[in-house]
Amino acid sequence: MTAETDAPDPTTSLLAFFGSELQRIRTEQGCSQGKLAKDAHTTQSMISKIESAQRVPSEDLARDLDAALLTGGHFMRLYPLVIKYAYPSWFLPFIELERDATSMRVFESQIIPGLLQTERYARAMLSAVRPDNLEDLVAARMSRQEVFERETPPRTWFVVDEQALRRPIGGLEVWRAQLESLSKAGQAPRTVIQVIPRKVFAHAGLAGPFSVLGFEEGPDVLYVDGFSQGRTALDASEVAAGAASYDLLRAVALSPEESADLIGDYMEGRKQP
């Protein structure tokens, strides 16, 4: 059972305020995290992480919290403010799409894909640009990984350049723990990870990271990452071009088994960063 935690300073961010309000109202009603989790159709771990501002609540959870605690829509009114602060406005549409996707094809060239990052790796990477809201950014990054906790997780395919494995972000300890987590992720039945080896000098992903998302209904969507902000593309021809590029990347990447061996070589020190 997850231990109940102290709420963060509510003045530090809207996410912290949401968490402190949840703990305040829950405590005033004499409701434990475990009971609230049951009533709100979630887990005690999730309640604990939201109260400590380590996760961004979903809209459904905000609604369920209101229903469980009879707060008259209090958390639903806070939710848009929390989301606006936790995610850049240009990224919000992609977050919604990502939550509904039934398949994801993701390419990264310089870092481990965000959906597969450990918390320590994400914090080290995000801190490099010295943001004012680092803890909220880390919480938002970790919250995206809740797609893997769905009853039927999306089918995910990740292709990464070997350069992403070689960059020891956060130092050797954080880096090796990240590689271990990456290795475990590749063993999940609905997740495939392939690595493009260094010997492949030119490939279809040199222009930068991108993702192709598929859905139960409706066309695929292309998301192209960028320096200041990303871009979601809906045009059928552009999405088709992205899917074709992804096929080319898979064609020059190592097999999933060879990729797992390469990740293990770096993790175990047989290859150096």
Protein backbone atom coordinates (compact mmCIF):
# COMPACT_ATOMS: atom_id res chain seq x y z
CA MET A 1 0.00 0.00 0.00
CA THR A 2 1.28 3.46 -0.89
CA ALA A 3 1.95 5.69 2.10
CA GLU A 4 -0.06 8.89 2.34
CA THR A 5 2.11 11.93 1.66
CA ASP A 6 2.14 15.56 2.71
CA ALA A 7 0.66 18.00 0.22
CA PRO A 8 3.10 20.40 -1.46
CA ASP A 9 3.07 24.15 -0.92
CA PRO A 10 -0.13 25.23 -2.74
CA THR A 11 1.43 28.56 -3.69
CA THR A 12 4.11 27.01 -5.89
CA SER A 13 1.87 26.05 -8.83
CA LEU A 14 -1.68 25.27 -9.90
CA LEU A 15 -0.86 21.58 -9.90
CA ALA A 16 0.29 21.86 -6.28
CA PHE A 17 -2.87 23.82 -5.45
CA PHE A 18 -5.03 21.08 -6.98
CA GLY A 19 -3.19 18.47 -4.90
CA SER A 20 -3.46 20.47 -1.68
CA GLU A 21 -7.17 21.07 -2.26
CA LEU A 22 -7.73 17.36 -2.80
CA GLN A 23 -5.92 16.48 0.41
CA ARG A 24 -7.70 19.24 2.37
CA ILE A 25 -11.20 18.25 1.30
CA ARG A 26 -10.52 14.52 1.61
CA THR A 27 -9.11 14.97 5.13
CA GLU A 28 -11.98 17.23 6.24
CA GLN A 29 -14.40 14.52 5.19
CA GLY A 30 -12.44 11.84 7.07
CA CYS A 31 -11.84 9.92 3.85
CA SER A 32 -8.69 7.86 3.40
CA GLN A 33 -6.76 7.78 0.12
CA GLY A 34 -7.76 4.13 -0.27
CA LYS A 35 -11.48 4.80 0.11
CA LEU A 36 -11.34 7.81 -2.21
CA ALA A 37 -9.47 5.77 -4.78
CA LYS A 38 -12.21 3.14 -4.72
CA ASP A 39 -14.99 5.72 -4.94
CA ALA A 40 -13.24 7.63 -7.75
CA HIS A 41 -12.37 4.50 -9.78
CA THR A 42 -8.60 4.91 -9.49
CA THR A 43 -5.73 3.70 -7.28
CA GLN A 44 -4.36 4.92 -3.97
CA SER A 45 -1.03 5.42 -5.69
CA MET A 46 -2.65 7.82 -8.16
CA ILE A 47 -4.41 9.77 -5.38
CA SER A 48 -1.12 10.02 -3.50
CA LYS A 49 0.76 11.24 -6.58
CA ILE A 50 -1.87 13.85 -7.40
CA GLU A 51 -1.91 15.13 -3.83
CA SER A 52 1.89 15.47 -3.93
CA ALA A 53 1.75 17.16 -7.40
CA GLN A 54 3.60 14.28 -9.05
CA ARG A 55 0.88 13.59 -11.62
CA VAL A 56 -1.51 15.70 -13.68
CA PRO A 57 -5.13 14.60 -13.16
CA SER A 58 -7.21 13.58 -16.13
CA GLU A 59 -10.54 15.23 -16.85
CA ASP A 60 -12.34 11.97 -16.03
CA LEU A 61 -10.58 11.74 -12.68
CA ALA A 62 -11.40 15.36 -11.82
CA ARG A 63 -15.06 14.56 -12.52
CA ASP A 64 -14.91 11.37 -10.44
CA LEU A 65 -13.29 13.24 -7.54
CA ASP A 66 -16.15 15.73 -7.54
CA ALA A 67 -18.67 12.90 -7.54
CA ALA A 68 -16.92 10.95 -4.77
CA LEU A 69 -16.38 13.96 -2.50
CA LEU A 70 -19.60 15.81 -3.42
CA THR A 71 -17.68 19.00 -4.16
CA GLY A 72 -20.13 20.49 -6.64
CA GLY A 73 -17.77 20.61 -9.62
CA HIS A 74 -14.83 22.15 -7.68
CA PHE A 75 -12.16 19.94 -9.26
CA MET A 76 -13.69 20.17 -12.72
CA ARG A 77 -13.41 23.96 -12.48
CA LEU A 78 -9.76 23.67 -11.45
CA TYR A 79 -8.91 21.13 -14.15
CA PRO A 80 -8.66 23.53 -17.16
CA LEU A 81 -6.32 25.80 -15.21
CA VAL A 82 -4.09 22.91 -14.17
CA ILE A 83 -3.89 21.57 -17.72
CA LYS A 84 -3.15 25.00 -19.16
CA TYR A 85 -0.24 25.43 -16.77
CA ALA A 86 1.12 21.89 -17.01
CA TYR A 87 1.20 21.68 -20.81
CA PRO A 88 1.99 24.35 -23.41
CA SER A 89 -1.16 25.38 -25.30
CA TRP A 90 0.21 24.07 -28.59
CA PHE A 91 0.84 20.64 -27.01
CA LEU A 92 -2.61 20.15 -25.48
CA PRO A 93 -4.30 18.86 -28.66
CA PHE A 94 -1.62 16.20 -28.99
CA ILE A 95 -2.05 15.14 -25.35
CA GLU A 96 -5.75 14.51 -25.98
CA LEU A 97 -4.96 12.56 -29.14
CA GLU A 98 -2.29 10.54 -27.35
CA ARG A 99 -4.78 9.50 -24.66
CA ASP A 100 -7.22 8.19 -27.29
CA ALA A 101 -4.70 6.53 -29.61
CA THR A 102 -4.85 2.78 -30.14
CA SER A 103 -1.45 2.68 -31.84
CA MET A 104 1.66 4.87 -31.77
CA ARG A 105 4.71 4.88 -33.99
CA VAL A 106 7.37 7.08 -32.40
CA PHE A 107 10.81 8.11 -33.64
CA GLU A 108 13.46 9.87 -31.52
CA SER A 109 16.97 10.78 -32.55
CA GLN A 110 18.65 12.39 -29.52
CA ILE A 111 16.83 11.27 -26.35
CA ILE A 112 14.82 8.35 -25.01
CA PRO A 113 11.17 8.88 -26.05
CA GLY A 114 9.15 10.77 -23.44
CA LEU A 115 6.66 7.91 -23.01
CA LEU A 116 9.54 5.66 -21.92
CA GLN A 117 11.51 8.06 -19.74
CA THR A 118 12.13 7.46 -16.04
CA GLU A 119 11.33 10.30 -13.68
CA ARG A 120 15.01 10.99 -12.88
CA TYR A 121 15.99 10.97 -16.55
CA ALA A 122 13.11 13.31 -17.43
CA ARG A 123 14.04 15.71 -14.63
CA ALA A 124 17.68 15.81 -15.72
CA MET A 125 16.73 16.37 -19.35
CA LEU A 126 14.10 19.04 -18.67
CA SER A 127 16.29 20.91 -16.17
CA ALA A 128 18.83 21.61 -18.90
CA VAL A 129 16.71 24.53 -20.15
CA ARG A 130 16.21 25.88 -16.59
CA PRO A 131 12.40 26.16 -16.66
CA ASP A 132 10.55 27.99 -13.89
CA ASN A 133 8.08 25.10 -13.46
CA LEU A 134 10.41 22.09 -13.58
CA GLU A 135 8.42 19.92 -11.15
CA ASP A 136 5.19 20.50 -13.06
CA LEU A 137 6.89 19.63 -16.34
CA VAL A 138 8.22 16.39 -14.85
CA ALA A 139 4.77 15.55 -13.46
CA ALA A 140 3.22 16.22 -16.86
CA ARG A 141 5.81 14.01 -18.59
CA MET A 142 5.17 11.15 -16.18
CA SER A 143 1.39 11.58 -16.46
CA ARG A 144 1.53 10.86 -20.18
CA GLN A 145 2.70 7.33 -19.38
CA GLU A 146 -0.71 6.52 -17.93
CA VAL A 147 -1.69 5.39 -21.45
CA PHE A 148 0.13 2.14 -20.63
CA GLU A 149 -2.14 1.61 -17.60
CA ARG A 150 -5.32 1.50 -19.67
CA GLU A 151 -7.30 -1.75 -19.70
CA THR A 152 -6.16 -2.17 -23.31
CA PRO A 153 -2.91 -0.23 -23.77
CA PRO A 154 -2.10 1.13 -27.22
CA ARG A 155 0.18 -0.84 -29.49
CA THR A 156 3.42 1.14 -29.49
CA TRP A 157 6.43 0.99 -31.78
CA PHE A 158 9.51 3.02 -30.90
CA VAL A 159 12.47 3.56 -33.20
CA VAL A 160 15.42 5.42 -31.69
CA ASP A 161 18.79 6.39 -33.06
CA GLU A 162 21.70 4.78 -31.21
CA GLN A 163 22.82 8.30 -30.33
CA ALA A 164 19.91 8.44 -27.88
CA LEU A 165 21.32 5.43 -26.03
CA ARG A 166 24.82 6.90 -25.87
CA ARG A 167 23.94 10.22 -24.20
CA PRO A 168 24.24 9.71 -20.39
CA ILE A 169 21.69 12.33 -19.38
CA GLY A 170 21.66 12.75 -15.61
CA GLY A 171 24.96 10.91 -15.13
CA LEU A 172 25.90 7.26 -15.39
CA GLU A 173 23.59 6.02 -12.61
CA VAL A 174 20.49 7.75 -14.00
CA TRP A 175 21.45 6.75 -17.54
CA ARG A 176 21.88 3.06 -16.72
CA ALA A 177 18.60 3.00 -14.78
CA GLN A 178 16.93 4.54 -17.83
CA LEU A 179 18.39 1.88 -20.10
CA GLU A 180 17.19 -0.84 -17.73
CA SER A 181 13.69 0.66 -17.81
CA LEU A 182 13.87 0.86 -21.61
CA SER A 183 14.89 -2.78 -21.78
CA LYS A 184 11.93 -3.83 -19.62
CA ALA A 185 9.54 -1.73 -21.73
CA GLY A 186 10.63 -3.62 -24.83
CA GLN A 187 9.51 -6.88 -23.24
CA ALA A 188 5.89 -5.79 -22.99
CA PRO A 189 3.73 -7.72 -25.48
CA ARG A 190 2.25 -4.58 -27.08
CA THR A 191 5.52 -2.60 -27.30
CA VAL A 192 8.30 -2.92 -29.89
CA ILE A 193 11.62 -1.07 -29.63
CA GLN A 194 14.16 -0.88 -32.45
CA VAL A 195 17.48 0.96 -32.58
CA ILE A 196 19.07 2.45 -35.69
CA PRO A 197 22.78 1.58 -35.34
CA ARG A 198 25.58 4.11 -35.74
CA LYS A 199 26.73 2.40 -38.94
CA VAL A 200 23.59 3.74 -40.67
CA PHE A 201 24.85 7.21 -41.58
CA ALA A 202 21.73 8.52 -43.34
CA HIS A 203 18.11 7.65 -42.67
CA ALA A 204 14.57 9.02 -43.05
CA GLY A 205 14.52 10.58 -39.59
CA LEU A 206 17.37 13.07 -39.91
CA ALA A 207 14.90 15.98 -40.04
CA GLY A 208 13.90 15.29 -36.42
CA PRO A 209 11.54 13.37 -34.11
CA PHE A 210 7.97 12.59 -35.12
CA SER A 211 5.08 10.30 -34.20
CA VAL A 212 2.20 8.73 -36.11
CA LEU A 213 -0.89 8.01 -34.01
CA GLY A 214 -3.67 5.62 -35.00
CA PHE A 215 -7.22 5.45 -33.64
CA GLU A 216 -10.11 3.03 -33.45
CA GLU A 217 -12.11 5.45 -35.58
CA GLY A 218 -10.88 8.20 -37.86
CA PRO A 219 -7.64 8.80 -39.78
CA ASP A 220 -4.10 8.67 -38.43
CA VAL A 221 -2.45 11.85 -37.13
CA LEU A 222 1.15 12.99 -37.56
CA TYR A 223 2.97 14.92 -34.84
CA VAL A 224 6.27 16.61 -35.75
CA ASP A 225 8.50 17.83 -32.93
CA GLY A 226 10.36 21.13 -33.15
CA PHE A 227 12.69 23.44 -31.24
CA SER A 228 10.16 25.87 -29.76
CA GLN A 229 6.99 23.87 -30.33
CA GLY A 230 5.65 20.84 -32.12
CA ARG A 231 3.03 20.63 -34.84
CA THR A 232 0.08 18.28 -35.33
CA ALA A 233 -0.62 17.47 -38.97
CA LEU A 234 -3.97 16.15 -40.20
CA ASP A 235 -3.46 16.46 -43.95
CA ALA A 236 -3.73 12.97 -45.42
CA SER A 237 -0.76 13.32 -47.76
CA GLU A 238 1.53 14.60 -44.98
CA VAL A 239 0.42 11.83 -42.62
CA ALA A 240 1.05 9.26 -45.37
CA ALA A 241 4.54 10.70 -45.92
CA GLY A 242 5.23 10.38 -42.21
CA ALA A 243 4.06 6.77 -42.17
CA ALA A 244 6.25 6.00 -45.20
CA SER A 245 9.27 7.55 -43.48
CA TYR A 246 8.57 5.45 -40.42
CA ASP A 247 8.55 2.30 -42.53
CA LEU A 248 11.94 3.30 -43.93
CA LEU A 249 13.29 3.81 -40.41
CA ARG A 250 12.12 0.37 -39.33
CA ALA A 251 13.74 -1.11 -42.40
CA VAL A 252 17.24 0.16 -41.50
CA ALA A 253 16.91 -0.43 -37.73
CA LEU A 254 18.17 -3.49 -35.90
CA SER A 255 15.62 -6.18 -35.17
CA PRO A 256 13.86 -5.95 -31.78
CA GLU A 257 16.07 -8.76 -30.49
CA GLU A 258 19.28 -7.14 -31.75
CA SER A 259 18.12 -3.81 -30.37
CA ALA A 260 17.55 -5.35 -26.94
CA ASP A 261 21.08 -6.78 -27.06
CA LEU A 262 22.53 -3.37 -27.94
CA ILE A 263 20.64 -1.68 -25.10
CA GLY A 264 21.98 -4.39 -22.80
CA ASP A 265 25.53 -3.79 -24.01
CA TYR A 266 25.34 -0.15 -22.95
CA MET A 267 23.54 -0.99 -19.72
CA GLU A 268 26.11 -3.61 -18.71
CA GLY A 269 29.13 -1.54 -19.75
CA ARG A 270 30.14 -3.63 -22.75
CA LYS A 271 29.69 -0.46 -24.79
CA GLN A 272 30.62 2.98 -23.51
CA PRO A 273 28.66 6.23 -24.07
